C-alpha atoms as a PDB file:
ATOM      1  CA  MET A   1       0.071  -0.085  -0.072  1.00  0.00           C
ATOM      2  CA  SER A   2       1.353   3.196  -0.976  1.00  0.00           C
ATOM      3  CA  HIS A   3       1.549   6.254   1.418  1.00  0.00           C
ATOM      4  CA  PRO A   4       0.831   9.817   0.243  1.00  0.00           C
ATOM      5  CA  LEU A   5       3.667  12.256   0.393  1.00  0.00           C
ATOM      6  CA  GLN A   6       2.707  15.079   2.887  1.00  0.00           C
ATOM      7  CA  GLU A   7       4.705  18.051   4.213  1.00  0.00           C
ATOM      8  CA  PRO A   8       6.098  16.786   7.847  1.00  0.00           C
ATOM      9  CA  PRO A   9       5.095  18.350  10.868  1.00  0.00           C
ATOM     10  CA  ALA A  10       7.400  20.931  12.590  1.00  0.00           C
ATOM     11  CA  ALA A  11      10.372  19.322  14.472  1.00  0.00           C
ATOM     12  CA  THR A  12      10.560  19.463  18.183  1.00  0.00           C
ATOM     13  CA  PRO A  13      13.440  19.234  20.501  1.00  0.00           C
ATOM     14  CA  GLN A  14      12.310  15.925  21.617  1.00  0.00           C
ATOM     15  CA  ASP A  15      11.748  14.169  18.074  1.00  0.00           C
ATOM     16  CA  GLY A  16      15.545  13.661  17.889  1.00  0.00           C
ATOM     17  CA  GLY A  17      15.361  14.863  14.103  1.00  0.00           C
ATOM     18  CA  SER A  18      12.878  12.416  12.632  1.00  0.00           C
ATOM     19  CA  MET A  19      10.722  15.303  11.727  1.00  0.00           C
ATOM     20  CA  LEU A  20      11.579  18.402   9.468  1.00  0.00           C
ATOM     21  CA  PRO A  21      10.959  21.965  10.250  1.00  0.00           C
ATOM     22  CA  PRO A  22       8.382  23.623   8.098  1.00  0.00           C
ATOM     23  CA  ARG A  23       9.442  25.467   5.183  1.00  0.00           C
ATOM     24  CA  GLY A  24       8.550  28.777   3.245  1.00  0.00           C
ATOM     25  CA  PHE A  25       7.708  28.896  -0.277  1.00  0.00           C
ATOM     26  CA  ALA A  26      11.019  30.713  -1.323  1.00  0.00           C
ATOM     27  CA  ARG A  27      13.142  28.083   0.640  1.00  0.00           C
ATOM     28  CA  ARG A  28      11.214  25.338  -1.096  1.00  0.00           C
ATOM     29  CA  ALA A  29      11.740  26.664  -4.457  1.00  0.00           C
ATOM     30  CA  LEU A  30      15.528  27.264  -3.817  1.00  0.00           C
ATOM     31  CA  ALA A  31      15.540  23.654  -2.361  1.00  0.00           C
ATOM     32  CA  GLY A  32      13.939  22.484  -5.599  1.00  0.00           C
ATOM     33  CA  LEU A  33      16.396  24.198  -7.930  1.00  0.00           C
ATOM     34  CA  ALA A  34      19.568  22.853  -5.737  1.00  0.00           C
ATOM     35  CA  THR A  35      17.881  19.220  -6.037  1.00  0.00           C
ATOM     36  CA  ARG A  36      17.662  19.260  -9.654  1.00  0.00           C
ATOM     37  CA  GLY A  37      21.098  20.777 -10.050  1.00  0.00           C
ATOM     38  CA  ILE A  38      22.637  18.092  -7.688  1.00  0.00           C
ATOM     39  CA  VAL A  39      20.796  15.282  -9.770  1.00  0.00           C
ATOM     40  CA  VAL A  40      22.041  16.585 -12.979  1.00  0.00           C
ATOM     41  CA  PHE A  41      25.640  17.406 -11.748  1.00  0.00           C
ATOM     42  CA  SER A  42      25.874  13.785 -10.387  1.00  0.00           C
ATOM     43  CA  ARG A  43      24.664  12.037 -13.439  1.00  0.00           C
ATOM     44  CA  LEU A  44      26.932  14.270 -15.849  1.00  0.00           C
ATOM     45  CA  LEU A  45      29.900  13.462 -13.538  1.00  0.00           C
ATOM     46  CA  THR A  46      29.417   9.759 -12.977  1.00  0.00           C
ATOM     47  CA  GLY A  47      27.289   8.726 -16.088  1.00  0.00           C
ATOM     48  CA  VAL A  48      25.330   6.703 -13.314  1.00  0.00           C
ATOM     49  CA  ARG A  49      23.175   3.691 -14.328  1.00  0.00           C
ATOM     50  CA  PRO A  50      20.602   2.457 -12.121  1.00  0.00           C
ATOM     51  CA  LEU A  51      20.168  -1.247 -12.537  1.00  0.00           C
ATOM     52  CA  TRP A  52      17.145  -2.766 -10.793  1.00  0.00           C
ATOM     53  CA  ALA A  53      18.208  -6.207 -11.180  1.00  0.00           C
ATOM     54  CA  GLY A  54      16.254  -7.992  -8.405  1.00  0.00           C
ATOM     55  CA  THR A  55      13.223  -5.757  -7.602  1.00  0.00           C
ATOM     56  CA  THR A  56      11.300  -2.901  -9.164  1.00  0.00           C
ATOM     57  CA  PRO A  57      10.859   0.588  -7.969  1.00  0.00           C
ATOM     58  CA  LEU A  58       7.561   0.757  -5.823  1.00  0.00           C
ATOM     59  CA  PRO A  59       6.440   3.732  -4.148  1.00  0.00           C
ATOM     60  CA  VAL A  60       6.257   1.956  -0.801  1.00  0.00           C
ATOM     61  CA  PRO A  61       8.359   2.435   2.445  1.00  0.00           C
ATOM     62  CA  THR A  62      11.672   0.864   1.591  1.00  0.00           C
ATOM     63  CA  LEU A  63      14.917   0.902   3.442  1.00  0.00           C
ATOM     64  CA  TYR A  64      17.800   0.903   0.950  1.00  0.00           C
ATOM     65  CA  PHE A  65      21.052  -0.310   2.703  1.00  0.00           C
ATOM     66  CA  ALA A  66      24.343   0.054   0.692  1.00  0.00           C
ATOM     67  CA  ASN A  67      28.079  -0.221   0.857  1.00  0.00           C
ATOM     68  CA  HIS A  68      29.944   2.813   1.868  1.00  0.00           C
ATOM     69  CA  ASN A  69      33.008   4.083   0.386  1.00  0.00           C
ATOM     70  CA  SER A  70      32.703   7.777  -0.441  1.00  0.00           C
ATOM     71  CA  HIS A  71      30.891  10.801   1.013  1.00  0.00           C
ATOM     72  CA  ALA A  72      29.129  11.059  -2.097  1.00  0.00           C
ATOM     73  CA  ASP A  73      27.357   7.435  -1.835  1.00  0.00           C
ATOM     74  CA  PHE A  74      23.984   8.511  -0.687  1.00  0.00           C
ATOM     75  CA  VAL A  75      23.930  11.348  -3.226  1.00  0.00           C
ATOM     76  CA  LEU A  76      24.599   8.931  -5.958  1.00  0.00           C
ATOM     77  CA  LEU A  77      21.994   6.326  -4.780  1.00  0.00           C
ATOM     78  CA  TRP A  78      19.335   9.211  -4.132  1.00  0.00           C
ATOM     79  CA  ALA A  79      19.984  10.702  -7.571  1.00  0.00           C
ATOM     80  CA  SER A  80      19.568   7.223  -9.120  1.00  0.00           C
ATOM     81  CA  LEU A  81      15.890   6.957  -7.934  1.00  0.00           C
ATOM     82  CA  PRO A  82      12.998   7.911  -9.949  1.00  0.00           C
ATOM     83  CA  PRO A  83      11.646  11.233  -9.121  1.00  0.00           C
ATOM     84  CA  HIS A  84       8.551   9.929  -7.432  1.00  0.00           C
ATOM     85  CA  LEU A  85      10.732   7.720  -5.148  1.00  0.00           C
ATOM     86  CA  ARG A  86      13.347  10.327  -4.644  1.00  0.00           C
ATOM     87  CA  ALA A  87      10.802  12.638  -3.278  1.00  0.00           C
ATOM     88  CA  ARG A  88       9.815  10.305  -0.466  1.00  0.00           C
ATOM     89  CA  THR A  89      13.391   8.929   0.263  1.00  0.00           C
ATOM     90  CA  ARG A  90      15.652  10.513   3.130  1.00  0.00           C
ATOM     91  CA  PRO A  91      19.295   9.503   3.594  1.00  0.00           C
ATOM     92  CA  VAL A  92      20.363   8.889   7.248  1.00  0.00           C
ATOM     93  CA  ALA A  93      23.082  11.321   8.098  1.00  0.00           C
ATOM     94  CA  GLY A  94      25.409  12.382  10.720  1.00  0.00           C
ATOM     95  CA  TYR A  95      23.756  15.513  12.939  1.00  0.00           C
ATOM     96  CA  ASP A  96      27.357  16.535  13.811  1.00  0.00           C
ATOM     97  CA  TYR A  97      28.288  16.974  10.258  1.00  0.00           C
ATOM     98  CA  TRP A  98      25.271  18.429   8.787  1.00  0.00           C
ATOM     99  CA  MET A  99      24.021  20.838  11.484  1.00  0.00           C
ATOM    100  CA  VAL A 100      27.317  22.996  12.080  1.00  0.00           C
ATOM    101  CA  SER A 101      26.789  25.705   9.718  1.00  0.00           C
ATOM    102  CA  PRO A 102      23.657  27.262   7.721  1.00  0.00           C
ATOM    103  CA  LEU A 103      24.692  25.986   4.433  1.00  0.00           C
ATOM    104  CA  ARG A 104      25.131  22.383   5.169  1.00  0.00           C
ATOM    105  CA  ARG A 105      22.057  22.522   7.358  1.00  0.00           C
ATOM    106  CA  PHE A 106      20.015  24.029   4.315  1.00  0.00           C
ATOM    107  CA  ILE A 107      21.477  21.278   2.198  1.00  0.00           C
ATOM    108  CA  GLY A 108      20.821  18.465   4.586  1.00  0.00           C
ATOM    109  CA  GLN A 109      17.357  19.307   5.835  1.00  0.00           C
ATOM    110  CA  ASP A 110      15.829  21.079   2.869  1.00  0.00           C
ATOM    111  CA  VAL A 111      17.326  19.605  -0.219  1.00  0.00           C
ATOM    112  CA  PHE A 112      18.032  16.026   0.838  1.00  0.00           C
ATOM    113  CA  ARG A 113      15.490  15.966   3.954  1.00  0.00           C
ATOM    114  CA  ALA A 114      18.028  13.846   5.728  1.00  0.00           C
ATOM    115  CA  LEU A 115      17.233  12.049   9.014  1.00  0.00           C
ATOM    116  CA  MET A 116      19.910  13.468  11.355  1.00  0.00           C
ATOM    117  CA  ILE A 117      21.481  10.897  13.721  1.00  0.00           C
ATOM    118  CA  ARG A 118      23.714  11.983  16.516  1.00  0.00           C
ATOM    119  CA  ARG A 119      26.984  10.247  16.418  1.00  0.00           C
ATOM    120  CA  ASP A 120      28.799  12.186  19.236  1.00  0.00           C
ATOM    121  CA  GLY A 121      26.984  10.255  21.997  1.00  0.00           C
ATOM    122  CA  SER A 122      25.200  13.297  23.186  1.00  0.00           C
ATOM    123  CA  GLY A 123      21.670  12.246  24.433  1.00  0.00           C
ATOM    124  CA  ARG A 124      23.034   9.276  26.031  1.00  0.00           C
ATOM    125  CA  GLY A 125      21.329   8.809  29.407  1.00  0.00           C
ATOM    126  CA  ASP A 126      18.565  11.108  28.432  1.00  0.00           C
ATOM    127  CA  THR A 127      15.442   9.292  28.125  1.00  0.00           C
ATOM    128  CA  SER A 128      13.746  11.908  26.073  1.00  0.00           C
ATOM    129  CA  ALA A 129      16.212  11.397  23.326  1.00  0.00           C
ATOM    130  CA  PRO A 130      15.254   8.534  20.915  1.00  0.00           C
ATOM    131  CA  ASP A 131      17.850   5.978  19.821  1.00  0.00           C
ATOM    132  CA  PRO A 132      18.733   5.919  16.255  1.00  0.00           C
ATOM    133  CA  VAL A 133      16.642   2.638  15.340  1.00  0.00           C
ATOM    134  CA  SER A 134      13.655   4.487  17.187  1.00  0.00           C
ATOM    135  CA  GLN A 135      14.302   7.482  14.791  1.00  0.00           C
ATOM    136  CA  MET A 136      14.702   5.510  11.467  1.00  0.00           C
ATOM    137  CA  ALA A 137      11.473   3.278  12.559  1.00  0.00           C
ATOM    138  CA  ALA A 138       9.393   6.257  13.034  1.00  0.00           C
ATOM    139  CA  VAL A 139      10.332   7.729   9.674  1.00  0.00           C
ATOM    140  CA  LEU A 140       9.539   4.369   7.951  1.00  0.00           C
ATOM    141  CA  HIS A 141       6.334   4.049   9.950  1.00  0.00           C
ATOM    142  CA  GLY A 142       5.272   7.657   8.715  1.00  0.00           C
ATOM    143  CA  GLY A 143       5.464   6.319   5.019  1.00  0.00           C
ATOM    144  CA  SER A 144       8.978   7.600   3.918  1.00  0.00           C
ATOM    145  CA  SER A 145      11.837   5.513   2.698  1.00  0.00           C
ATOM    146  CA  LEU A 146      15.568   5.818   3.961  1.00  0.00           C
ATOM    147  CA  ILE A 147      18.996   5.122   2.897  1.00  0.00           C
ATOM    148  CA  MET A 148      21.358   3.811   5.340  1.00  0.00           C
ATOM    149  CA  PHE A 149      24.838   2.420   5.435  1.00  0.00           C
ATOM    150  CA  PRO A 150      24.833  -0.919   7.783  1.00  0.00           C
ATOM    151  CA  GLU A 151      28.781  -0.775   8.126  1.00  0.00           C
ATOM    152  CA  GLY A 152      28.155   2.585  10.135  1.00  0.00           C
ATOM    153  CA  THR A 153      31.229   4.428   8.651  1.00  0.00           C
ATOM    154  CA  ARG A 154      33.122   4.713   5.342  1.00  0.00           C
ATOM    155  CA  ASN A 155      35.210   1.659   4.066  1.00  0.00           C
ATOM    156  CA  THR A 156      38.469   3.574   3.089  1.00  0.00           C
ATOM    157  CA  GLY A 157      40.565   0.560   2.990  1.00  0.00           C
ATOM    158  CA  ASP A 158      41.516  -1.847   0.047  1.00  0.00           C
ATOM    159  CA  ASP A 159      41.778  -4.962   2.320  1.00  0.00           C
ATOM    160  CA  GLN A 160      38.256  -5.981   2.506  1.00  0.00           C
ATOM    161  CA  LEU A 161      34.915  -5.147   0.491  1.00  0.00           C
ATOM    162  CA  LEU A 162      32.729  -4.628   3.429  1.00  0.00           C
ATOM    163  CA  LEU A 163      33.293  -3.771   6.944  1.00  0.00           C
ATOM    164  CA  PRO A 164      31.238  -5.690   9.620  1.00  0.00           C
ATOM    165  CA  PHE A 165      27.657  -4.735   9.765  1.00  0.00           C
ATOM    166  CA  ARG A 166      26.256  -3.140  12.739  1.00  0.00           C
ATOM    167  CA  SER A 167      23.205  -4.418  14.182  1.00  0.00           C
ATOM    168  CA  GLY A 168      20.869  -1.472  13.358  1.00  0.00           C
ATOM    169  CA  LEU A 169      19.799  -3.319  10.329  1.00  0.00           C
ATOM    170  CA  TYR A 170      18.385  -6.241  12.074  1.00  0.00           C
ATOM    171  CA  HIS A 171      16.561  -4.244  14.609  1.00  0.00           C
ATOM    172  CA  LEU A 172      14.828  -2.137  11.959  1.00  0.00           C
ATOM    173  CA  ALA A 173      13.957  -5.137  10.137  1.00  0.00           C
ATOM    174  CA  ARG A 174      12.147  -6.565  13.392  1.00  0.00           C
ATOM    175  CA  ALA A 175      10.637  -3.154  14.132  1.00  0.00           C
ATOM    176  CA  CYS A 176       9.432  -2.672  10.747  1.00  0.00           C
ATOM    177  CA  PRO A 177       8.436  -5.968   9.314  1.00  0.00           C
ATOM    178  CA  ASP A 178       6.320  -4.433   6.510  1.00  0.00           C
ATOM    179  CA  VAL A 179       9.304  -2.439   5.069  1.00  0.00           C
ATOM    180  CA  ARG A 180      11.150  -3.644   1.994  1.00  0.00           C
ATOM    181  CA  LEU A 181      14.850  -4.055   2.773  1.00  0.00           C
ATOM    182  CA  VAL A 182      16.561  -3.436  -0.501  1.00  0.00           C
ATOM    183  CA  PRO A 183      20.361  -4.076  -0.757  1.00  0.00           C
ATOM    184  CA  VAL A 184      22.169  -1.520  -3.007  1.00  0.00           C
ATOM    185  CA  TRP A 185      25.673  -1.975  -4.518  1.00  0.00           C
ATOM    186  CA  ILE A 186      27.231   1.280  -5.727  1.00  0.00           C
ATOM    187  CA  GLU A 187      30.114   0.464  -8.019  1.00  0.00           C
ATOM    188  CA  ASN A 188      33.183   2.532  -9.110  1.00  0.00           C
ATOM    189  CA  LEU A 189      32.432   5.653  -6.839  1.00  0.00           C
ATOM    190  CA  LYS A 190      35.414   5.044  -4.796  1.00  0.00           C
ATOM    191  CA  ARG A 191      37.420   5.566  -7.969  1.00  0.00           C
ATOM    192  CA  VAL A 192      35.596   8.697  -8.873  1.00  0.00           C
ATOM    193  CA  LEU A 193      36.247  10.341  -5.516  1.00  0.00           C
ATOM    194  CA  PRO A 194      39.327   8.417  -3.915  1.00  0.00           C
ATOM    195  CA  LYS A 195      40.468   9.218  -0.535  1.00  0.00           C
ATOM    196  CA  GLY A 196      42.191  12.621  -0.092  1.00  0.00           C
ATOM    197  CA  THR A 197      41.050  13.865  -3.472  1.00  0.00           C
ATOM    198  CA  LEU A 198      39.093  17.060  -3.697  1.00  0.00           C
ATOM    199  CA  VAL A 199      38.413  17.025  -7.528  1.00  0.00           C
ATOM    200  CA  PRO A 200      36.225  14.030  -8.864  1.00  0.00           C
ATOM    201  CA  ILE A 201      37.609  11.906 -11.541  1.00  0.00           C
ATOM    202  CA  PRO A 202      34.917  11.362 -14.386  1.00  0.00           C
ATOM    203  CA  LEU A 203      34.082   7.611 -14.531  1.00  0.00           C
ATOM    204  CA  ALA A 204      31.206   5.696 -15.378  1.00  0.00           C
ATOM    205  CA  CYS A 205      29.135   4.378 -12.162  1.00  0.00           C
ATOM    206  CA  SER A 206      26.251   1.921 -11.611  1.00  0.00           C
ATOM    207  CA  VAL A 207      23.816   1.540  -8.825  1.00  0.00           C
ATOM    208  CA  ARG A 208      22.477  -2.043  -8.618  1.00  0.00           C
ATOM    209  CA  PHE A 209      19.341  -2.690  -6.707  1.00  0.00           C
ATOM    210  CA  GLY A 210      18.849  -6.252  -5.537  1.00  0.00           C
ATOM    211  CA  ALA A 211      15.966  -8.246  -4.245  1.00  0.00           C
ATOM    212  CA  PRO A 212      14.578  -7.391  -0.951  1.00  0.00           C
ATOM    213  CA  VAL A 213      15.545  -9.469   2.118  1.00  0.00           C
ATOM    214  CA  ALA A 214      13.463 -10.041   5.305  1.00  0.00           C
ATOM    215  CA  PRO A 215      14.350 -11.907   8.467  1.00  0.00           C
ATOM    216  CA  ALA A 216      12.987 -15.569   8.466  1.00  0.00           C
ATOM    217  CA  PRO A 217      10.792 -16.826  11.251  1.00  0.00           C
ATOM    218  CA  GLY A 218      13.044 -17.700  13.973  1.00  0.00           C
ATOM    219  CA  GLU A 219      16.400 -16.158  12.427  1.00  0.00           C
ATOM    220  CA  ASP A 220      18.609 -14.729  14.731  1.00  0.00           C
ATOM    221  CA  LYS A 221      20.606 -11.660  14.504  1.00  0.00           C
ATOM    222  CA  ALA A 222      23.860 -13.112  13.496  1.00  0.00           C
ATOM    223  CA  ALA A 223      22.309 -15.138  10.739  1.00  0.00           C
ATOM    224  CA  PHE A 224      20.232 -12.323   9.210  1.00  0.00           C
ATOM    225  CA  ILE A 225      23.347 -10.028   9.178  1.00  0.00           C
ATOM    226  CA  THR A 226      25.279 -12.600   7.562  1.00  0.00           C
ATOM    227  CA  ARG A 227      22.552 -13.169   4.927  1.00  0.00           C
ATOM    228  CA  ALA A 228      21.908  -9.501   4.338  1.00  0.00           C
ATOM    229  CA  ARG A 229      25.661  -8.885   3.870  1.00  0.00           C
ATOM    230  CA  GLU A 230      25.941 -11.818   1.166  1.00  0.00           C
ATOM    231  CA  ALA A 231      22.899 -10.355  -0.710  1.00  0.00           C
ATOM    232  CA  LEU A 232      24.750  -7.033  -0.849  1.00  0.00           C
ATOM    233  CA  LEU A 233      28.122  -8.913  -1.900  1.00  0.00           C
ATOM    234  CA  ASP A 234      26.090 -10.827  -4.778  1.00  0.00           C
ATOM    235  CA  LEU A 235      25.243  -7.583  -6.570  1.00  0.00           C
ATOM    236  CA  ARG A 236      28.703  -6.992  -7.482  1.00  0.00           C
ATOM    237  CA  PRO A 237      29.573  -6.970 -11.232  1.00  0.00           C
ATOM    238  CA  GLU A 238      31.230 -10.111 -12.650  1.00  0.00           C
ATOM    239  CA  TYR A 239      34.618  -8.349 -13.481  1.00  0.00           C
ATOM    240  CA  ASP A 240      34.880  -7.110  -9.925  1.00  0.00           C
ATOM    241  CA  ARG A 241      34.275 -10.730  -8.709  1.00  0.00           C
ATOM    242  CA  ALA A 242      36.956 -12.117 -11.136  1.00  0.00           C
ATOM    243  CA  GLU A 243      39.496  -9.354  -9.993  1.00  0.00           C
ATOM    244  CA  GLU A 244      38.749 -10.542  -6.266  1.00  0.00           C
ATOM    245  CA  ALA A 245      39.344 -14.250  -7.092  1.00  0.00           C
ATOM    246  CA  THR A 246      42.532 -13.433  -8.967  1.00  0.00           C
ATOM    247  CA  GLN A 247      43.966 -11.303  -6.201  1.00  0.00           C
ATOM    248  CA  GLN A 248      42.964 -14.224  -3.709  1.00  0.00           C
ATOM    249  CA  HIS A 249      44.793 -16.653  -5.996  1.00  0.00           C
ATOM    250  CA  GLU A 250      47.872 -14.575  -6.274  1.00  0.00           C
ATOM    251  CA  GLY A 251      47.807 -14.109  -2.451  1.00  0.00           C
ATOM    252  CA  LYS A 252      47.787 -17.996  -1.906  1.00  0.00           C
ATOM    253  CA  THR A 253      50.743 -18.508  -4.388  1.00  0.00           C
ATOM    254  CA  ALA A 254      52.829 -15.652  -3.342  1.00  0.00           C
END
């Protein structure tokens, strides 16, 4: 069942950032222009191709969980969505990064409509401050979709394809059993914006959407996290898997 997209109610200090502040006409218009500019720029720079391999784009609450190698990951995934899905999809972002200046706050709140999560430990011990899983569940129950990275931080190394998943994905799956959990593999963006590089390198990228996963009856956290991680890794292109196999073979014979 689809949910109509409505202007969210005003935020309060107690909501933990799950709701957005009301916006005036001029601010909405500027955010709309910025949205179109970001989408066009990201597509021109990366030539991104959205590939819906195991699912179809549906206007229902969805949790897109993806690999995380670059600051631009959620931008590329967000820009790859059809406009009617992009309008209802919010990235999960760090409060400490996006709320430090008026410009970042405008981009985070008004353009991306991000769900701000505190990563600095503030609010711990304060029972009025919701935990991140509760914040995300509230947004999903409200009819919006989310983009999250279950690794919890960027994987900037070359020694492993994915960092260990944190438990939030499992707890969200249990708290929101009717929400689709769609794995998304972002390909090549790490080469477009390597670590320490300020100027992007134009390369073709793809965003692969896989078949939704859900906890099986009686499945524990460890088993589900392992299966969700494998579902994400299975979306890698064939040449990427062949390259990994070659590297592993060379490592064994060295």
